[in-house]
Amino acid sequence: MGDGIFAPSHLIVVAVVLVLLFGASKLPIFARSLGQSMRIFKSEIKGLKDDDEAAPSPVAATPSTPAVVQQPVIAPVPPAAAAPAAPAAQIFTDANGQQFVMQPVTPQTEQH
């Protein structure tokens, strides 16, 4: 018998405790769920490594070649498009399942 934590007698005791706590019918479900979680975790870690390898390494600009920065071209906004968009109506449902439509108040719809 080994003296470590993973000695066969220790593993048998742990297995018996798991069967007593969860029942024999639940253990395969837990094992399957754990396996699926480990596969997902492994694929995500591999995806992170692939992303790091695919990312281009940044190239430092040398002092002899100054970096050229292009300014974005901003088109003028026509006056008709400059009007603010009207807020959308919102639908709320209360605890009884009744729905209410809330119309926003704008200067065009405001009535006195």
PDB file of N, CA and C in Angstrom:
ATOM      1  N   MET A   1       0.840  -1.182   0.000  1.00  0.00           N
ATOM      2  CA  MET A   1       0.000   0.000   0.000  1.00  0.00           C
ATOM      3  C   MET A   1       0.881   1.239   0.000  1.00  0.00           C
ATOM      4  N   GLY A   2       0.404   2.269  -0.737  1.00  0.00           N
ATOM      5  CA  GLY A   2       1.167   3.508  -0.802  1.00  0.00           C
ATOM      6  C   GLY A   2       0.847   4.410   0.378  1.00  0.00           C
ATOM      7  N   ASP A   3       1.754   5.297   0.615  1.00  0.00           N
ATOM      8  CA  ASP A   3       1.553   6.229   1.724  1.00  0.00           C
ATOM      9  C   ASP A   3       0.972   7.558   1.252  1.00  0.00           C
ATOM     10  N   GLY A   4       0.834   7.745  -0.062  1.00  0.00           N
ATOM     11  CA  GLY A   4       0.358   9.023  -0.598  1.00  0.00           C
ATOM     12  C   GLY A   4      -1.138   9.194  -0.457  1.00  0.00           C
ATOM     13  N   ILE A   5      -1.600  10.322  -0.932  1.00  0.00           N
ATOM     14  CA  ILE A   5      -3.018  10.650  -0.839  1.00  0.00           C
ATOM     15  C   ILE A   5      -3.848   9.810  -1.814  1.00  0.00           C
ATOM     16  N   PHE A   6      -3.206   9.313  -2.888  1.00  0.00           N
ATOM     17  CA  PHE A   6      -3.914   8.516  -3.878  1.00  0.00           C
ATOM     18  C   PHE A   6      -3.688   7.018  -3.665  1.00  0.00           C
ATOM     19  N   ALA A   7      -3.578   6.617  -2.441  1.00  0.00           N
ATOM     20  CA  ALA A   7      -3.425   5.194  -2.129  1.00  0.00           C
ATOM     21  C   ALA A   7      -4.732   4.479  -2.489  1.00  0.00           C
ATOM     22  N   PRO A   8      -4.675   3.234  -2.900  1.00  0.00           N
ATOM     23  CA  PRO A   8      -5.900   2.509  -3.292  1.00  0.00           C
ATOM     24  C   PRO A   8      -6.964   2.492  -2.197  1.00  0.00           C
ATOM     25  N   SER A   9      -6.570   2.397  -0.968  1.00  0.00           N
ATOM     26  CA  SER A   9      -7.574   2.383   0.104  1.00  0.00           C
ATOM     27  C   SER A   9      -8.279   3.732   0.216  1.00  0.00           C
ATOM     28  N   HIS A  10      -7.549   4.815  -0.018  1.00  0.00           N
ATOM     29  CA  HIS A  10      -8.171   6.140   0.036  1.00  0.00           C
ATOM     30  C   HIS A  10      -9.164   6.312  -1.114  1.00  0.00           C
ATOM     31  N   LEU A  11      -8.772   5.848  -2.305  1.00  0.00           N
ATOM     32  CA  LEU A  11      -9.658   5.974  -3.456  1.00  0.00           C
ATOM     33  C   LEU A  11     -10.931   5.149  -3.290  1.00  0.00           C
ATOM     34  N   ILE A  12     -10.821   3.986  -2.662  1.00  0.00           N
ATOM     35  CA  ILE A  12     -12.003   3.149  -2.408  1.00  0.00           C
ATOM     36  C   ILE A  12     -12.951   3.844  -1.439  1.00  0.00           C
ATOM     37  N   VAL A  13     -12.397   4.453  -0.399  1.00  0.00           N
ATOM     38  CA  VAL A  13     -13.222   5.172   0.576  1.00  0.00           C
ATOM     39  C   VAL A  13     -13.930   6.343  -0.102  1.00  0.00           C
ATOM     40  N   VAL A  14     -13.220   7.075  -0.959  1.00  0.00           N
ATOM     41  CA  VAL A  14     -13.831   8.210  -1.660  1.00  0.00           C
ATOM     42  C   VAL A  14     -14.949   7.717  -2.577  1.00  0.00           C
ATOM     43  N   ALA A  15     -14.747   6.612  -3.290  1.00  0.00           N
ATOM     44  CA  ALA A  15     -15.767   6.062  -4.180  1.00  0.00           C
ATOM     45  C   ALA A  15     -17.006   5.640  -3.401  1.00  0.00           C
ATOM     46  N   VAL A  16     -16.822   4.997  -2.244  1.00  0.00           N
ATOM     47  CA  VAL A  16     -17.958   4.573  -1.423  1.00  0.00           C
ATOM     48  C   VAL A  16     -18.735   5.781  -0.917  1.00  0.00           C
ATOM     49  N   VAL A  17     -18.031   6.824  -0.503  1.00  0.00           N
ATOM     50  CA  VAL A  17     -18.706   8.035  -0.004  1.00  0.00           C
ATOM     51  C   VAL A  17     -19.508   8.678  -1.131  1.00  0.00           C
ATOM     52  N   LEU A  18     -18.948   8.739  -2.356  1.00  0.00           N
ATOM     53  CA  LEU A  18     -19.678   9.328  -3.483  1.00  0.00           C
ATOM     54  C   LEU A  18     -20.944   8.534  -3.808  1.00  0.00           C
ATOM     55  N   VAL A  19     -20.855   7.227  -3.789  1.00  0.00           N
ATOM     56  CA  VAL A  19     -22.028   6.400  -4.067  1.00  0.00           C
ATOM     57  C   VAL A  19     -23.082   6.604  -2.988  1.00  0.00           C
ATOM     58  N   LEU A  20     -22.665   6.707  -1.734  1.00  0.00           N
ATOM     59  CA  LEU A  20     -23.627   6.918  -0.650  1.00  0.00           C
ATOM     60  C   LEU A  20     -24.288   8.298  -0.738  1.00  0.00           C
ATOM     61  N   LEU A  21     -23.508   9.316  -1.094  1.00  0.00           N
ATOM     62  CA  LEU A  21     -24.056  10.671  -1.158  1.00  0.00           C
ATOM     63  C   LEU A  21     -24.990  10.868  -2.347  1.00  0.00           C
ATOM     64  N   PHE A  22     -24.579  10.442  -3.512  1.00  0.00           N
ATOM     65  CA  PHE A  22     -25.325  10.764  -4.722  1.00  0.00           C
ATOM     66  C   PHE A  22     -26.134   9.600  -5.273  1.00  0.00           C
ATOM     67  N   GLY A  23     -25.862   8.422  -4.876  1.00  0.00           N
ATOM     68  CA  GLY A  23     -26.558   7.264  -5.418  1.00  0.00           C
ATOM     69  C   GLY A  23     -25.892   6.813  -6.715  1.00  0.00           C
ATOM     70  N   ALA A  24     -25.973   5.553  -6.991  1.00  0.00           N
ATOM     71  CA  ALA A  24     -25.284   4.977  -8.146  1.00  0.00           C
ATOM     72  C   ALA A  24     -25.862   5.483  -9.462  1.00  0.00           C
ATOM     73  N   SER A  25     -27.132   5.857  -9.493  1.00  0.00           N
ATOM     74  CA  SER A  25     -27.750   6.289 -10.751  1.00  0.00           C
ATOM     75  C   SER A  25     -27.292   7.684 -11.171  1.00  0.00           C
ATOM     76  N   LYS A  26     -26.905   8.529 -10.230  1.00  0.00           N
ATOM     77  CA  LYS A  26     -26.504   9.898 -10.559  1.00  0.00           C
ATOM     78  C   LYS A  26     -25.044  10.009 -10.956  1.00  0.00           C
ATOM     79  N   LEU A  27     -24.202   9.074 -10.574  1.00  0.00           N
ATOM     80  CA  LEU A  27     -22.772   9.194 -10.848  1.00  0.00           C
ATOM     81  C   LEU A  27     -22.446   9.222 -12.338  1.00  0.00           C
ATOM     82  N   PRO A  28     -23.054   8.415 -13.213  1.00  0.00           N
ATOM     83  CA  PRO A  28     -22.739   8.541 -14.641  1.00  0.00           C
ATOM     84  C   PRO A  28     -23.122   9.893 -15.220  1.00  0.00           C
ATOM     85  N   ILE A  29     -24.208  10.466 -14.732  1.00  0.00           N
ATOM     86  CA  ILE A  29     -24.632  11.786 -15.202  1.00  0.00           C
ATOM     87  C   ILE A  29     -23.592  12.828 -14.819  1.00  0.00           C
ATOM     88  N   PHE A  30     -23.115  12.775 -13.567  1.00  0.00           N
ATOM     89  CA  PHE A  30     -22.092  13.715 -13.125  1.00  0.00           C
ATOM     90  C   PHE A  30     -20.807  13.536 -13.913  1.00  0.00           C
ATOM     91  N   ALA A  31     -20.405  12.301 -14.179  1.00  0.00           N
ATOM     92  CA  ALA A  31     -19.175  12.032 -14.923  1.00  0.00           C
ATOM     93  C   ALA A  31     -19.295  12.548 -16.356  1.00  0.00           C
ATOM     94  N   ARG A  32     -20.447  12.338 -16.989  1.00  0.00           N
ATOM     95  CA  ARG A  32     -20.661  12.806 -18.356  1.00  0.00           C
ATOM     96  C   ARG A  32     -20.619  14.333 -18.401  1.00  0.00           C
ATOM     97  N   SER A  33     -21.259  14.976 -17.456  1.00  0.00           N
ATOM     98  CA  SER A  33     -21.266  16.435 -17.398  1.00  0.00           C
ATOM     99  C   SER A  33     -19.862  16.980 -17.179  1.00  0.00           C
ATOM    100  N   LEU A  34     -19.104  16.342 -16.316  1.00  0.00           N
ATOM    101  CA  LEU A  34     -17.729  16.775 -16.066  1.00  0.00           C
ATOM    102  C   LEU A  34     -16.886  16.605 -17.324  1.00  0.00           C
ATOM    103  N   GLY A  35     -17.064  15.499 -18.047  1.00  0.00           N
ATOM    104  CA  GLY A  35     -16.325  15.274 -19.288  1.00  0.00           C
ATOM    105  C   GLY A  35     -16.640  16.321 -20.343  1.00  0.00           C
ATOM    106  N   GLN A  36     -17.932  16.665 -20.487  1.00  0.00           N
ATOM    107  CA  GLN A  36     -18.317  17.689 -21.452  1.00  0.00           C
ATOM    108  C   GLN A  36     -17.733  19.043 -21.069  1.00  0.00           C
ATOM    109  N   SER A  37     -17.742  19.367 -19.792  1.00  0.00           N
ATOM    110  CA  SER A  37     -17.185  20.635 -19.335  1.00  0.00           C
ATOM    111  C   SER A  37     -15.689  20.697 -19.609  1.00  0.00           C
ATOM    112  N   MET A  38     -14.998  19.594 -19.385  1.00  0.00           N
ATOM    113  CA  MET A  38     -13.554  19.573 -19.631  1.00  0.00           C
ATOM    114  C   MET A  38     -13.261  19.708 -21.128  1.00  0.00           C
ATOM    115  N   ARG A  39     -14.078  19.085 -22.003  1.00  0.00           N
ATOM    116  CA  ARG A  39     -13.877  19.213 -23.441  1.00  0.00           C
ATOM    117  C   ARG A  39     -14.093  20.646 -23.903  1.00  0.00           C
ATOM    118  N   ILE A  40     -15.128  21.305 -23.372  1.00  0.00           N
ATOM    119  CA  ILE A  40     -15.396  22.696 -23.726  1.00  0.00           C
ATOM    120  C   ILE A  40     -14.250  23.580 -23.262  1.00  0.00           C
ATOM    121  N   PHE A  41     -13.788  23.360 -22.041  1.00  0.00           N
ATOM    122  CA  PHE A  41     -12.687  24.148 -21.495  1.00  0.00           C
ATOM    123  C   PHE A  41     -11.430  23.959 -22.348  1.00  0.00           C
ATOM    124  N   LYS A  42     -11.154  22.730 -22.736  1.00  0.00           N
ATOM    125  CA  LYS A  42      -9.966  22.423 -23.534  1.00  0.00           C
ATOM    126  C   LYS A  42     -10.054  23.105 -24.904  1.00  0.00           C
ATOM    127  N   SER A  43     -11.233  23.076 -25.537  1.00  0.00           N
ATOM    128  CA  SER A  43     -11.374  23.708 -26.847  1.00  0.00           C
ATOM    129  C   SER A  43     -11.247  25.231 -26.744  1.00  0.00           C
ATOM    130  N   GLU A  44     -11.746  25.812 -25.667  1.00  0.00           N
ATOM    131  CA  GLU A  44     -11.616  27.258 -25.481  1.00  0.00           C
ATOM    132  C   GLU A  44     -10.156  27.653 -25.275  1.00  0.00           C
ATOM    133  N   ILE A  45      -9.419  26.871 -24.509  1.00  0.00           N
ATOM    134  CA  ILE A  45      -7.997  27.160 -24.295  1.00  0.00           C
ATOM    135  C   ILE A  45      -7.242  27.044 -25.614  1.00  0.00           C
ATOM    136  N   LYS A  46      -7.575  26.018 -26.419  1.00  0.00           N
ATOM    137  CA  LYS A  46      -6.926  25.851 -27.717  1.00  0.00           C
ATOM    138  C   LYS A  46      -7.267  27.032 -28.624  1.00  0.00           C
ATOM    139  N   GLY A  47      -8.513  27.498 -28.564  1.00  0.00           N
ATOM    140  CA  GLY A  47      -8.925  28.657 -29.358  1.00  0.00           C
ATOM    141  C   GLY A  47      -8.162  29.908 -28.968  1.00  0.00           C
ATOM    142  N   LEU A  48      -7.907  30.082 -27.677  1.00  0.00           N
ATOM    143  CA  LEU A  48      -7.128  31.242 -27.231  1.00  0.00           C
ATOM    144  C   LEU A  48      -5.703  31.169 -27.757  1.00  0.00           C
ATOM    145  N   LYS A  49      -5.117  29.969 -27.732  1.00  0.00           N
ATOM    146  CA  LYS A  49      -3.755  29.809 -28.247  1.00  0.00           C
ATOM    147  C   LYS A  49      -3.714  30.067 -29.739  1.00  0.00           C
ATOM    148  N   ASP A  50      -4.726  29.588 -30.477  1.00  0.00           N
ATOM    149  CA  ASP A  50      -4.781  29.818 -31.922  1.00  0.00           C
ATOM    150  C   ASP A  50      -4.935  31.303 -32.233  1.00  0.00           C
ATOM    151  N   ASP A  51      -5.743  32.013 -31.436  1.00  0.00           N
ATOM    152  CA  ASP A  51      -5.911  33.455 -31.635  1.00  0.00           C
ATOM    153  C   ASP A  51      -4.598  34.190 -31.413  1.00  0.00           C
ATOM    154  N   ASP A  52      -3.853  33.785 -30.388  1.00  0.00           N
ATOM    155  CA  ASP A  52      -2.574  34.435 -30.104  1.00  0.00           C
ATOM    156  C   ASP A  52      -1.580  34.194 -31.229  1.00  0.00           C
ATOM    157  N   GLU A  53      -1.571  32.987 -31.797  1.00  0.00           N
ATOM    158  CA  GLU A  53      -0.653  32.678 -32.880  1.00  0.00           C
ATOM    159  C   GLU A  53      -1.052  33.379 -34.165  1.00  0.00           C
ATOM    160  N   ALA A  54      -2.337  33.569 -34.394  1.00  0.00           N
ATOM    161  CA  ALA A  54      -2.810  34.194 -35.624  1.00  0.00           C
ATOM    162  C   ALA A  54      -2.689  35.710 -35.598  1.00  0.00           C
ATOM    163  N   ALA A  55      -2.602  36.301 -34.423  1.00  0.00           N
ATOM    164  CA  ALA A  55      -2.509  37.757 -34.313  1.00  0.00           C
ATOM    165  C   ALA A  55      -1.163  38.221 -34.847  1.00  0.00           C
ATOM    166  N   PRO A  56      -1.151  39.252 -35.701  1.00  0.00           N
ATOM    167  CA  PRO A  56       0.121  39.739 -36.222  1.00  0.00           C
ATOM    168  C   PRO A  56       0.910  40.444 -35.121  1.00  0.00           C
ATOM    169  N   SER A  57       2.208  40.269 -35.180  1.00  0.00           N
ATOM    170  CA  SER A  57       3.042  40.922 -34.172  1.00  0.00           C
ATOM    171  C   SER A  57       3.159  42.393 -34.531  1.00  0.00           C
ATOM    172  N   PRO A  58       3.080  43.272 -33.539  1.00  0.00           N
ATOM    173  CA  PRO A  58       3.172  44.706 -33.823  1.00  0.00           C
ATOM    174  C   PRO A  58       4.573  45.056 -34.306  1.00  0.00           C
ATOM    175  N   VAL A  59       4.632  45.892 -35.349  1.00  0.00           N
ATOM    176  CA  VAL A  59       5.912  46.312 -35.914  1.00  0.00           C
ATOM    177  C   VAL A  59       6.185  47.720 -35.419  1.00  0.00           C
ATOM    178  N   ALA A  60       7.327  47.885 -34.792  1.00  0.00           N
ATOM    179  CA  ALA A  60       7.701  49.197 -34.260  1.00  0.00           C
ATOM    180  C   ALA A  60       8.193  50.079 -35.391  1.00  0.00           C
ATOM    181  N   ALA A  61       7.765  51.331 -35.407  1.00  0.00           N
ATOM    182  CA  ALA A  61       8.216  52.277 -36.429  1.00  0.00           C
ATOM    183  C   ALA A  61       9.638  52.715 -36.104  1.00  0.00           C
ATOM    184  N   THR A  62      10.449  52.736 -37.111  1.00  0.00           N
ATOM    185  CA  THR A  62      11.835  53.162 -36.905  1.00  0.00           C
ATOM    186  C   THR A  62      11.894  54.673 -36.971  1.00  0.00           C
ATOM    187  N   PRO A  63      12.854  55.304 -36.302  1.00  0.00           N
ATOM    188  CA  PRO A  63      12.940  56.763 -36.315  1.00  0.00           C
ATOM    189  C   PRO A  63      13.211  57.330 -37.713  1.00  0.00           C
ATOM    190  N   SER A  64      13.839  56.560 -38.597  1.00  0.00           N
ATOM    191  CA  SER A  64      14.152  57.075 -39.924  1.00  0.00           C
ATOM    192  C   SER A  64      12.905  57.141 -40.812  1.00  0.00           C
ATOM    193  N   THR A  65      11.881  56.359 -40.509  1.00  0.00           N
ATOM    194  CA  THR A  65      10.655  56.381 -41.305  1.00  0.00           C
ATOM    195  C   THR A  65       9.492  56.812 -40.419  1.00  0.00           C
ATOM    196  N   PRO A  66       9.118  58.076 -40.495  1.00  0.00           N
ATOM    197  CA  PRO A  66       8.003  58.535 -39.653  1.00  0.00           C
ATOM    198  C   PRO A  66       6.694  57.897 -40.104  1.00  0.00           C
ATOM    199  N   ALA A  67       5.839  57.652 -39.147  1.00  0.00           N
ATOM    200  CA  ALA A  67       4.541  57.036 -39.427  1.00  0.00           C
ATOM    201  C   ALA A  67       3.616  58.068 -40.061  1.00  0.00           C
ATOM    202  N   VAL A  68       2.875  57.652 -41.081  1.00  0.00           N
ATOM    203  CA  VAL A  68       1.930  58.518 -41.767  1.00  0.00           C
ATOM    204  C   VAL A  68       0.547  58.222 -41.219  1.00  0.00           C
ATOM    205  N   VAL A  69      -0.113  59.250 -40.737  1.00  0.00           N
ATOM    206  CA  VAL A  69      -1.444  59.093 -40.166  1.00  0.00           C
ATOM    207  C   VAL A  69      -2.432  59.772 -41.096  1.00  0.00           C
ATOM    208  N   GLN A  70      -3.411  59.018 -41.567  1.00  0.00           N
ATOM    209  CA  GLN A  70      -4.431  59.588 -42.429  1.00  0.00           C
ATOM    210  C   GLN A  70      -5.613  60.035 -41.585  1.00  0.00           C
ATOM    211  N   GLN A  71      -6.082  61.226 -41.853  1.00  0.00           N
ATOM    212  CA  GLN A  71      -7.245  61.748 -41.148  1.00  0.00           C
ATOM    213  C   GLN A  71      -8.497  61.212 -41.830  1.00  0.00           C
ATOM    214  N   PRO A  72      -9.504  60.804 -41.068  1.00  0.00           N
ATOM    215  CA  PRO A  72     -10.733  60.307 -41.681  1.00  0.00           C
ATOM    216  C   PRO A  72     -11.495  61.437 -42.368  1.00  0.00           C
ATOM    217  N   VAL A  73     -12.146  61.092 -43.458  1.00  0.00           N
ATOM    218  CA  VAL A  73     -12.958  62.055 -44.193  1.00  0.00           C
ATOM    219  C   VAL A  73     -14.355  62.033 -43.597  1.00  0.00           C
ATOM    220  N   ILE A  74     -14.805  63.215 -43.165  1.00  0.00           N
ATOM    221  CA  ILE A  74     -16.123  63.325 -42.551  1.00  0.00           C
ATOM    222  C   ILE A  74     -17.030  64.047 -43.529  1.00  0.00           C
ATOM    223  N   ALA A  75     -18.079  63.372 -43.955  1.00  0.00           N
ATOM    224  CA  ALA A  75     -19.031  63.965 -44.894  1.00  0.00           C
ATOM    225  C   ALA A  75     -20.008  64.854 -44.132  1.00  0.00           C
ATOM    226  N   PRO A  76     -20.407  65.969 -44.739  1.00  0.00           N
ATOM    227  CA  PRO A  76     -21.386  66.829 -44.066  1.00  0.00           C
ATOM    228  C   PRO A  76     -22.741  66.133 -43.983  1.00  0.00           C
ATOM    229  N   VAL A  77     -23.469  66.413 -42.899  1.00  0.00           N
ATOM    230  CA  VAL A  77     -24.775  65.805 -42.674  1.00  0.00           C
ATOM    231  C   VAL A  77     -25.836  66.695 -43.299  1.00  0.00           C
ATOM    232  N   PRO A  78     -26.681  66.122 -44.173  1.00  0.00           N
ATOM    233  CA  PRO A  78     -27.751  66.942 -44.751  1.00  0.00           C
ATOM    234  C   PRO A  78     -28.737  67.372 -43.665  1.00  0.00           C
ATOM    235  N   PRO A  79     -29.374  68.524 -43.831  1.00  0.00           N
ATOM    236  CA  PRO A  79     -30.286  69.027 -42.789  1.00  0.00           C
ATOM    237  C   PRO A  79     -31.449  68.089 -42.493  1.00  0.00           C
ATOM    238  N   ALA A  80     -31.967  67.366 -43.467  1.00  0.00           N
ATOM    239  CA  ALA A  80     -33.095  66.472 -43.219  1.00  0.00           C
ATOM    240  C   ALA A  80     -32.688  65.311 -42.321  1.00  0.00           C
ATOM    241  N   ALA A  81     -31.461  64.844 -42.431  1.00  0.00           N
ATOM    242  CA  ALA A  81     -31.003  63.719 -41.617  1.00  0.00           C
ATOM    243  C   ALA A  81     -30.576  64.164 -40.222  1.00  0.00           C
ATOM    244  N   ALA A  82     -30.441  65.447 -40.003  1.00  0.00           N
ATOM    245  CA  ALA A  82     -29.975  65.942 -38.719  1.00  0.00           C
ATOM    246  C   ALA A  82     -31.065  65.906 -37.649  1.00  0.00           C
ATOM    247  N   ALA A  83     -32.315  65.696 -38.039  1.00  0.00           N
ATOM    248  CA  ALA A  83     -33.401  65.661 -37.060  1.00  0.00           C
ATOM    249  C   ALA A  83     -33.238  64.431 -36.167  1.00  0.00           C
ATOM    250  N   PRO A  84     -33.457  64.577 -34.863  1.00  0.00           N
ATOM    251  CA  PRO A  84     -33.299  63.425 -33.969  1.00  0.00           C
ATOM    252  C   PRO A  84     -34.379  62.378 -34.231  1.00  0.00           C
ATOM    253  N   ALA A  85     -33.986  61.151 -34.101  1.00  0.00           N
ATOM    254  CA  ALA A  85     -34.934  60.048 -34.310  1.00  0.00           C
ATOM    255  C   ALA A  85     -35.911  59.988 -33.144  1.00  0.00           C
ATOM    256  N   ALA A  86     -37.148  59.668 -33.457  1.00  0.00           N
ATOM    257  CA  ALA A  86     -38.164  59.560 -32.413  1.00  0.00           C
ATOM    258  C   ALA A  86     -37.914  58.305 -31.584  1.00  0.00           C
ATOM    259  N   PRO A  87     -38.014  58.401 -30.263  1.00  0.00           N
ATOM    260  CA  PRO A  87     -37.831  57.203 -29.435  1.00  0.00           C
ATOM    261  C   PRO A  87     -38.927  56.182 -29.701  1.00  0.00           C
ATOM    262  N   ALA A  88     -38.568  54.925 -29.598  1.00  0.00           N
ATOM    263  CA  ALA A  88     -39.507  53.847 -29.879  1.00  0.00           C
ATOM    264  C   ALA A  88     -40.433  53.609 -28.687  1.00  0.00           C
ATOM    265  N   ALA A  89     -41.608  53.072 -28.984  1.00  0.00           N
ATOM    266  CA  ALA A  89     -42.558  52.719 -27.934  1.00  0.00           C
ATOM    267  C   ALA A  89     -42.044  51.493 -27.180  1.00  0.00           C
ATOM    268  N   GLN A  90     -42.362  51.401 -25.905  1.00  0.00           N
ATOM    269  CA  GLN A  90     -41.939  50.274 -25.085  1.00  0.00           C
ATOM    270  C   GLN A  90     -43.179  49.538 -24.592  1.00  0.00           C
ATOM    271  N   ILE A  91     -43.080  48.197 -24.581  1.00  0.00           N
ATOM    272  CA  ILE A  91     -44.194  47.366 -24.125  1.00  0.00           C
ATOM    273  C   ILE A  91     -43.821  46.756 -22.787  1.00  0.00           C
ATOM    274  N   PHE A  92     -44.678  46.926 -21.792  1.00  0.00           N
ATOM    275  CA  PHE A  92     -44.456  46.385 -20.458  1.00  0.00           C
ATOM    276  C   PHE A  92     -45.570  45.396 -20.137  1.00  0.00           C
ATOM    277  N   THR A  93     -45.234  44.355 -19.388  1.00  0.00           N
ATOM    278  CA  THR A  93     -46.218  43.363 -18.955  1.00  0.00           C
ATOM    279  C   THR A  93     -46.231  43.341 -17.434  1.00  0.00           C
ATOM    280  N   ASP A  94     -47.439  43.444 -16.838  1.00  0.00           N
ATOM    281  CA  ASP A  94     -47.515  43.423 -15.378  1.00  0.00           C
ATOM    282  C   ASP A  94     -47.601  41.985 -14.877  1.00  0.00           C
ATOM    283  N   ALA A  95     -47.737  41.820 -13.572  1.00  0.00           N
ATOM    284  CA  ALA A  95     -47.739  40.495 -12.952  1.00  0.00           C
ATOM    285  C   ALA A  95     -48.950  39.662 -13.381  1.00  0.00           C
ATOM    286  N   ASN A  96     -50.038  40.296 -13.796  1.00  0.00           N
ATOM    287  CA  ASN A  96     -51.237  39.579 -14.228  1.00  0.00           C
ATOM    288  C   ASN A  96     -51.198  39.207 -15.706  1.00  0.00           C
ATOM    289  N   GLY A  97     -50.164  39.599 -16.428  1.00  0.00           N
ATOM    290  CA  GLY A  97     -50.052  39.281 -17.838  1.00  0.00           C
ATOM    291  C   GLY A  97     -50.627  40.337 -18.753  1.00  0.00           C
ATOM    292  N   GLN A  98     -51.115  41.441 -18.194  1.00  0.00           N
ATOM    293  CA  GLN A  98     -51.680  42.504 -19.012  1.00  0.00           C
ATOM    294  C   GLN A  98     -50.541  43.345 -19.574  1.00  0.00           C
ATOM    295  N   GLN A  99     -50.603  43.685 -20.883  1.00  0.00           N
ATOM    296  CA  GLN A  99     -49.549  44.451 -21.516  1.00  0.00           C
ATOM    297  C   GLN A  99     -49.945  45.902 -21.639  1.00  0.00           C
ATOM    298  N   PHE A 100     -48.961  46.781 -21.468  1.00  0.00           N
ATOM    299  CA  PHE A 100     -49.145  48.217 -21.585  1.00  0.00           C
ATOM    300  C   PHE A 100     -48.130  48.748 -22.582  1.00  0.00           C
ATOM    301  N   VAL A 101     -48.576  49.636 -23.471  1.00  0.00           N
ATOM    302  CA  VAL A 101     -47.680  50.265 -24.434  1.00  0.00           C
ATOM    303  C   VAL A 101     -47.405  51.671 -23.933  1.00  0.00           C
ATOM    304  N   MET A 102     -46.126  51.966 -23.758  1.00  0.00           N
ATOM    305  CA  MET A 102     -45.715  53.289 -23.289  1.00  0.00           C
ATOM    306  C   MET A 102     -45.185  54.070 -24.487  1.00  0.00           C
ATOM    307  N   GLN A 103     -45.908  55.117 -24.880  1.00  0.00           N
ATOM    308  CA  GLN A 103     -45.482  55.970 -25.987  1.00  0.00           C
ATOM    309  C   GLN A 103     -44.660  57.122 -25.407  1.00  0.00           C
ATOM    310  N   PRO A 104     -43.492  57.373 -25.935  1.00  0.00           N
ATOM    311  CA  PRO A 104     -42.697  58.496 -25.442  1.00  0.00           C
ATOM    312  C   PRO A 104     -43.342  59.825 -25.834  1.00  0.00           C
ATOM    313  N   VAL A 105     -43.169  60.805 -24.988  1.00  0.00           N
ATOM    314  CA  VAL A 105     -43.730  62.137 -25.242  1.00  0.00           C
ATOM    315  C   VAL A 105     -42.676  62.952 -25.969  1.00  0.00           C
ATOM    316  N   THR A 106     -43.006  63.415 -27.152  1.00  0.00           N
ATOM    317  CA  THR A 106     -42.122  64.280 -27.943  1.00  0.00           C
ATOM    318  C   THR A 106     -42.847  65.575 -28.193  1.00  0.00           C
ATOM    319  N   PRO A 107     -42.150  66.604 -28.616  1.00  0.00           N
ATOM    320  CA  PRO A 107     -42.827  67.889 -28.852  1.00  0.00           C
ATOM    321  C   PRO A 107     -43.957  67.774 -29.889  1.00  0.00           C
ATOM    322  N   GLN A 108     -43.828  66.839 -30.860  1.00  0.00           N
ATOM    323  CA  GLN A 108     -44.879  66.699 -31.871  1.00  0.00           C
ATOM    324  C   GLN A 108     -46.121  66.026 -31.284  1.00  0.00           C
ATOM    325  N   THR A 109     -45.987  65.093 -30.333  1.00  0.00           N
ATOM    326  CA  THR A 109     -47.134  64.351 -29.802  1.00  0.00           C
ATOM    327  C   THR A 109     -47.678  64.956 -28.518  1.00  0.00           C
ATOM    328  N   GLU A 110     -47.000  65.930 -27.967  1.00  0.00           N
ATOM    329  CA  GLU A 110     -47.436  66.520 -26.692  1.00  0.00           C
ATOM    330  C   GLU A 110     -48.697  67.347 -26.920  1.00  0.00           C
ATOM    331  N   GLN A 111     -49.726  67.130 -26.106  1.00  0.00           N
ATOM    332  CA  GLN A 111     -50.971  67.852 -26.227  1.00  0.00           C
ATOM    333  C   GLN A 111     -51.257  68.544 -24.903  1.00  0.00           C
ATOM    334  N   HIS A 112     -51.776  69.753 -25.015  1.00  0.00           N
ATOM    335  CA  HIS A 112     -52.088  70.510 -23.781  1.00  0.00           C
ATOM    336  C   HIS A 112     -53.551  70.678 -23.628  1.00  0.00           C
TER     337      HIS A 112
END
